[in-house]
């Protein structure tokens, strides 16, 4: 197979760009969308918990399935997830659902779309394994740019129209993602690696206490990040803002990912991963504290910009 690395990178950037634009329009605006449809903050919290539970469960199942079926193309798996996400979004858009069913369908929609992320990352590694030196960094950076831009645009559109605009935008961007992944150049067969004795997740955790501590830290950080991002609209509303100000805050928060991403490799050459992770976790905690105490919208935008320190490495 003769493939240009630049061609792969350009096409993969289209996949990442449309994927993260779709992610912003659905998962990034959970509280806005569900509140508009009559759900309480408590029900929104339950829905967010269900999203993460379903995502973790399905990700583990997909990982196990991929290990047992190494010849199955990753593109096919991603395409199936996009189709399921489109189907669930179509149900949400076309059918009037009771609250409980809306919570379940919305959670499954986010779950299907979330699970595609890790497989997209593995897909890029498949190109590298097959001798195509395609870079991951700048195409993923395109995803950060489109996420930030979509947040800003949707904030303006929701203020001008209603949060019902969210699902049509998601359907459009997820449909474009499906087209982009289906037309992505074939990366070739997955490389089969020699492996030693297989161990269970429990055995792996018992034998590696450092990994357990890292996972606990990631879980705690993720809990704070989830609460802060899901209910950011409540902070904005408390400070007198609307959907438009929410979009700008999300734009700033997502926009700082790009310089953080480019700086990571440079920082890793000068500092240990332990130091950078500690800095990132501490910055994330400080950001949540500032988010709880922020007194005005201009300072809220400053807190969003501070997110750059919690994105390293």
Protein backbone atom coordinates (compact mmCIF):
# COMPACT_ATOMS: atom_id res chain seq x y z
CA UNK A 1 0.00 0.00 0.00
CA UNK A 2 1.43 3.31 -1.06
CA UNK A 3 0.01 6.09 1.05
CA UNK A 4 1.27 9.59 1.67
CA UNK A 5 1.56 10.50 5.34
CA UNK A 6 0.36 14.02 4.52
CA UNK A 7 -2.73 12.65 2.80
CA UNK A 8 -3.53 10.50 5.83
CA UNK A 9 -3.01 13.44 8.17
CA UNK A 10 -5.28 15.74 6.16
CA UNK A 11 -8.05 13.15 5.98
CA UNK A 12 -7.65 12.22 9.64
CA UNK A 13 -7.88 15.92 10.53
CA UNK A 14 -11.29 15.98 8.79
CA UNK A 15 -12.38 13.01 10.91
CA UNK A 16 -11.18 14.64 14.13
CA UNK A 17 -12.62 18.02 13.22
CA UNK A 18 -16.12 16.75 12.50
CA UNK A 19 -16.02 14.32 15.45
CA UNK A 20 -15.20 16.99 18.04
CA UNK A 21 -17.66 19.48 16.55
CA UNK A 22 -20.36 16.82 16.96
CA UNK A 23 -19.13 16.02 20.49
CA UNK A 24 -19.42 19.68 21.47
CA UNK A 25 -22.95 19.98 20.12
CA UNK A 26 -24.18 16.94 22.08
CA UNK A 27 -22.10 16.17 25.16
CA UNK A 28 -20.78 19.68 25.72
CA UNK A 29 -24.27 21.13 26.09
CA UNK A 30 -25.94 18.39 28.11
CA UNK A 31 -27.42 20.62 30.80
CA UNK A 32 -28.68 23.20 28.30
CA UNK A 33 -30.41 20.63 26.12
CA UNK A 34 -31.94 18.55 28.91
CA UNK A 35 -33.04 21.61 30.91
CA UNK A 36 -34.82 22.93 27.83
CA UNK A 37 -36.74 19.64 27.69
CA UNK A 38 -37.85 19.90 31.30
CA UNK A 39 -35.30 17.84 33.23
CA UNK A 40 -34.19 18.98 36.66
CA UNK A 41 -30.54 19.39 37.65
CA UNK A 42 -30.80 16.17 39.63
CA UNK A 43 -32.05 14.27 36.59
CA UNK A 44 -29.29 15.84 34.50
CA UNK A 45 -26.76 14.60 37.06
CA UNK A 46 -28.18 11.08 36.88
CA UNK A 47 -28.01 11.24 33.08
CA UNK A 48 -24.34 12.29 33.19
CA UNK A 49 -23.56 9.39 35.54
CA UNK A 50 -25.35 7.01 33.18
CA UNK A 51 -23.36 8.38 30.24
CA UNK A 52 -20.04 7.60 31.93
CA UNK A 53 -21.17 4.20 33.22
CA UNK A 54 -22.34 3.17 29.74
CA UNK A 55 -19.20 4.58 28.10
CA UNK A 56 -16.85 2.70 30.43
CA UNK A 57 -18.81 -0.55 30.06
CA UNK A 58 -19.06 -0.38 26.27
CA UNK A 59 -15.39 0.66 25.93
CA UNK A 60 -14.28 -2.43 27.88
CA UNK A 61 -16.54 -4.66 25.79
CA UNK A 62 -15.25 -3.17 22.54
CA UNK A 63 -11.65 -3.56 23.69
CA UNK A 64 -12.20 -7.22 24.54
CA UNK A 65 -13.99 -7.79 21.24
CA UNK A 66 -11.17 -6.14 19.27
CA UNK A 67 -8.61 -8.37 21.00
CA UNK A 68 -10.58 -11.46 20.02
CA UNK A 69 -11.15 -10.26 16.43
CA UNK A 70 -7.85 -8.68 15.33
CA UNK A 71 -8.77 -8.92 11.64
CA UNK A 72 -11.92 -6.80 12.00
CA UNK A 73 -11.25 -3.30 10.59
CA UNK A 74 -11.36 -0.50 13.15
CA UNK A 75 -13.04 1.71 10.56
CA UNK A 76 -16.02 -0.64 10.60
CA UNK A 77 -16.32 -0.40 14.39
CA UNK A 78 -16.18 3.41 14.34
CA UNK A 79 -18.72 3.55 11.51
CA UNK A 80 -21.11 1.34 13.48
CA UNK A 81 -20.79 3.59 16.53
CA UNK A 82 -21.51 6.68 14.42
CA UNK A 83 -24.58 5.00 12.92
CA UNK A 84 -25.88 4.09 16.39
CA UNK A 85 -25.27 7.66 17.58
CA UNK A 86 -27.14 9.03 14.56
CA UNK A 87 -30.05 6.65 15.17
CA UNK A 88 -30.32 7.63 18.86
CA UNK A 89 -30.14 11.35 17.99
CA UNK A 90 -32.85 10.82 15.38
CA UNK A 91 -35.11 9.28 18.01
CA UNK A 92 -34.49 12.21 20.35
CA UNK A 93 -35.21 14.70 17.58
CA UNK A 94 -38.31 13.09 16.08
CA UNK A 95 -40.12 11.48 19.00
CA UNK A 96 -41.63 13.07 22.14
CA UNK A 97 -40.11 10.93 24.90
CA UNK A 98 -41.02 10.71 28.58
CA UNK A 99 -38.31 11.94 30.96
CA UNK A 100 -36.93 8.54 31.92
CA UNK A 101 -36.73 7.31 28.34
CA UNK A 102 -35.14 10.60 27.24
CA UNK A 103 -32.45 10.17 29.91
CA UNK A 104 -31.67 6.64 28.69
CA UNK A 105 -31.67 7.45 24.96
CA UNK A 106 -29.58 10.59 25.47
CA UNK A 107 -27.07 8.66 27.62
CA UNK A 108 -26.78 5.92 24.97
CA UNK A 109 -26.35 8.52 22.24
CA UNK A 110 -23.45 10.13 24.12
CA UNK A 111 -22.04 6.69 24.96
CA UNK A 112 -21.92 5.53 21.33
CA UNK A 113 -20.26 8.76 20.26
CA UNK A 114 -17.79 8.88 23.17
CA UNK A 115 -16.58 5.32 22.54
CA UNK A 116 -15.46 6.24 19.03
CA UNK A 117 -12.72 8.50 20.43
CA UNK A 118 -10.35 5.80 21.68
CA UNK A 119 -10.83 3.75 18.51
CA UNK A 120 -9.99 6.79 16.38
CA UNK A 121 -6.73 7.09 18.34
CA UNK A 122 -5.98 3.40 17.77
CA UNK A 123 -6.70 3.87 14.08
CA UNK A 124 -3.91 6.42 13.76
CA UNK A 125 -1.51 4.01 15.49
CA UNK A 126 -2.45 1.42 12.88
CA UNK A 127 -1.05 3.67 10.15
CA UNK A 128 2.20 4.08 12.11
CA UNK A 129 2.43 0.32 12.69
CA UNK A 130 2.16 -0.21 8.94
CA UNK A 131 5.05 2.10 8.16
CA UNK A 132 3.16 5.33 7.40
CA UNK A 133 4.74 8.04 9.60
CA UNK A 134 1.54 10.07 9.98
CA UNK A 135 1.49 12.59 12.83
CA UNK A 136 -1.32 12.61 15.37
CA UNK A 137 -0.72 16.03 16.96
CA UNK A 138 -1.93 18.60 14.45
CA UNK A 139 -4.98 16.62 13.23
CA UNK A 140 -6.08 16.26 16.85
CA UNK A 141 -5.43 19.98 17.24
CA UNK A 142 -7.95 20.57 14.46
CA UNK A 143 -10.44 18.73 16.66
CA UNK A 144 -9.78 21.18 19.51
CA UNK A 145 -10.22 24.13 17.16
CA UNK A 146 -13.52 22.85 15.77
CA UNK A 147 -14.80 22.05 19.28
CA UNK A 148 -14.01 25.58 20.42
CA UNK A 149 -15.49 27.16 17.31
CA UNK A 150 -18.65 25.05 17.53
CA UNK A 151 -19.12 26.07 21.17
CA UNK A 152 -18.99 29.75 20.22
CA UNK A 153 -21.27 29.35 17.20
CA UNK A 154 -23.83 27.24 19.07
CA UNK A 155 -23.89 29.73 21.93
CA UNK A 156 -24.93 32.44 19.46
CA UNK A 157 -27.43 30.17 17.67
CA UNK A 158 -29.08 29.01 20.90
CA UNK A 159 -29.52 32.60 22.01
CA UNK A 160 -31.01 33.57 18.66
CA UNK A 161 -33.21 30.47 18.29
CA UNK A 162 -33.62 27.71 20.92
CA UNK A 163 -31.56 24.77 22.26
CA UNK A 164 -33.50 22.59 19.80
CA UNK A 165 -30.80 23.62 17.31
CA UNK A 166 -28.41 21.26 19.12
CA UNK A 167 -29.69 17.99 17.65
CA UNK A 168 -29.81 19.10 13.97
CA UNK A 169 -26.23 20.35 14.31
CA UNK A 170 -25.16 17.07 15.89
CA UNK A 171 -26.87 15.04 13.17
CA UNK A 172 -25.10 17.10 10.51
CA UNK A 173 -21.63 16.89 12.07
CA UNK A 174 -21.93 13.20 13.00
CA UNK A 175 -23.10 12.47 9.46
CA UNK A 176 -20.03 14.27 8.12
CA UNK A 177 -17.89 12.24 10.54
CA UNK A 178 -19.36 9.05 9.13
CA UNK A 179 -18.57 10.14 5.56
CA UNK A 180 -15.03 11.13 6.59
CA UNK A 181 -14.32 7.80 8.31
CA UNK A 182 -15.78 5.75 5.46
CA UNK A 183 -13.58 7.56 2.91
CA UNK A 184 -10.46 7.46 5.11
CA UNK A 185 -7.65 5.55 3.34
CA UNK A 186 -7.38 1.93 4.39
CA UNK A 187 -4.59 1.67 7.01
CA UNK A 188 -3.88 -1.96 6.18
CA UNK A 189 -4.02 -5.01 8.45
CA UNK A 190 -3.63 -4.65 12.18
CA UNK A 191 -0.29 -5.88 13.45
CA UNK A 192 -0.49 -8.89 15.74
CA UNK A 193 1.92 -8.61 18.65
CA UNK A 194 3.37 -11.43 20.65
CA UNK A 195 1.99 -11.33 24.15
CA UNK A 196 2.77 -13.17 27.34
CA UNK A 197 0.36 -14.56 29.87
CA UNK A 198 -2.93 -12.71 29.86
CA UNK A 199 -3.99 -11.30 33.20
CA UNK A 200 -7.32 -10.00 34.41
CA UNK A 201 -7.93 -6.36 35.28
CA UNK A 202 -8.01 -7.29 38.97
CA UNK A 203 -4.64 -9.04 38.77
CA UNK A 204 -3.16 -6.09 36.93
CA UNK A 205 -4.36 -3.65 39.58
CA UNK A 206 -3.23 -5.81 42.49
CA UNK A 207 0.27 -6.06 41.09
CA UNK A 208 0.64 -2.34 40.33
CA UNK A 209 -0.25 -0.01 43.23
CA UNK A 210 1.16 2.98 41.33
CA UNK A 211 -1.39 2.38 38.58
CA UNK A 212 -4.16 2.18 41.19
CA UNK A 213 -3.16 5.56 42.63
CA UNK A 214 -2.99 7.10 39.18
CA UNK A 215 -6.43 5.74 38.30
CA UNK A 216 -7.87 7.08 41.56
CA UNK A 217 -6.38 10.50 40.82
CA UNK A 218 -7.82 10.44 37.29
CA UNK A 219 -11.24 9.41 38.59
CA UNK A 220 -11.33 12.23 41.14
CA UNK A 221 -10.12 14.75 38.56
CA UNK A 222 -12.69 13.48 36.09
CA UNK A 223 -15.49 13.85 38.65
CA UNK A 224 -14.58 17.49 39.17
CA UNK A 225 -14.21 18.15 35.46
CA UNK A 226 -17.55 16.48 34.72
CA UNK A 227 -19.40 18.57 37.31
CA UNK A 228 -17.68 21.76 36.19
CA UNK A 229 -18.36 21.26 32.49
CA UNK A 230 -21.88 19.85 32.76
CA UNK A 231 -23.18 22.61 35.02
CA UNK A 232 -21.06 25.47 33.67
CA UNK A 233 -24.31 26.99 32.38
CA UNK A 234 -25.47 27.43 35.98
CA UNK A 235 -22.34 29.45 36.80
CA UNK A 236 -22.90 31.59 33.71
CA UNK A 237 -26.56 32.16 34.58
CA UNK A 238 -25.68 33.09 38.17
CA UNK A 239 -23.34 35.77 36.82
CA UNK A 240 -26.06 37.16 34.55
CA UNK A 241 -24.99 35.45 31.34
CA UNK A 242 -26.91 33.51 28.70
CA UNK A 243 -26.17 30.77 26.18
CA UNK A 244 -24.04 33.19 24.20
CA UNK A 245 -21.71 33.80 27.18
CA UNK A 246 -21.64 30.04 27.81
CA UNK A 247 -20.48 29.48 24.24
CA UNK A 248 -17.71 32.04 24.66
CA UNK A 249 -16.57 30.45 27.94
CA UNK A 250 -16.48 27.01 26.29
CA UNK A 251 -14.64 28.50 23.31
CA UNK A 252 -11.89 29.83 25.58
CA UNK A 253 -11.67 26.60 27.59
CA UNK A 254 -11.37 24.40 24.50
CA UNK A 255 -9.14 26.88 22.68
CA UNK A 256 -6.35 26.65 25.24
CA UNK A 257 -6.07 22.91 24.57
CA UNK A 258 -4.15 23.57 21.37
CA UNK A 259 -1.15 25.44 22.85
CA UNK A 260 -1.14 22.97 25.76
CA UNK A 261 -1.03 20.08 23.30
CA UNK A 262 1.88 21.55 21.37
CA UNK A 263 3.76 22.39 24.57
CA UNK A 264 3.41 18.90 26.04
CA UNK A 265 6.21 17.25 24.05
CA UNK A 266 8.57 20.15 24.81
CA UNK A 267 7.74 20.00 28.53
CA UNK A 268 8.13 16.22 28.70
CA UNK A 269 11.74 16.62 27.55
CA UNK A 270 12.46 18.93 30.48
CA UNK A 271 10.25 17.63 33.28
CA UNK A 272 9.15 14.19 34.40
CA UNK A 273 5.62 12.97 33.73
CA UNK A 274 5.11 12.80 37.52
CA UNK A 275 5.81 16.54 37.89
CA UNK A 276 3.58 17.50 34.97
CA UNK A 277 0.72 15.29 36.11
CA UNK A 278 0.94 16.71 39.62
CA UNK A 279 0.86 20.23 38.20
CA UNK A 280 -2.11 19.32 36.01
CA UNK A 281 -4.11 17.81 38.88
CA UNK A 282 -3.36 20.75 41.19
CA UNK A 283 -4.29 23.25 38.48
CA UNK A 284 -7.53 21.37 37.86
CA UNK A 285 -8.44 21.54 41.55
CA UNK A 286 -7.58 25.23 41.72
CA UNK A 287 -9.68 25.87 38.62
CA UNK A 288 -12.72 24.22 40.26
CA UNK A 289 -12.23 26.35 43.37
CA UNK A 290 -12.01 29.53 41.29
CA UNK A 291 -15.08 28.45 39.34
CA UNK A 292 -17.03 28.18 42.58
CA UNK A 293 -15.93 31.65 43.74
CA UNK A 294 -15.75 33.64 40.50
CA UNK A 295 -17.71 36.92 40.90
CA UNK A 296 -18.13 38.14 37.31
CA UNK A 297 -18.22 37.03 33.69
CA UNK A 298 -14.87 38.62 32.70
CA UNK A 299 -13.16 36.75 35.53
CA UNK A 300 -14.98 33.57 34.49
CA UNK A 301 -13.34 33.88 31.08
CA UNK A 302 -10.01 34.18 32.90
CA UNK A 303 -10.75 30.97 34.81
CA UNK A 304 -11.51 29.24 31.51
CA UNK A 305 -8.15 30.40 30.13
CA UNK A 306 -6.47 29.04 33.28
CA UNK A 307 -7.55 25.59 32.04
CA UNK A 308 -4.33 25.54 29.99
CA UNK A 309 -2.44 24.45 33.12
CA UNK A 310 -4.77 21.50 33.75
CA UNK A 311 -4.25 20.17 30.20
CA UNK A 312 -0.59 19.20 30.70
CA UNK A 313 0.91 16.89 29.69
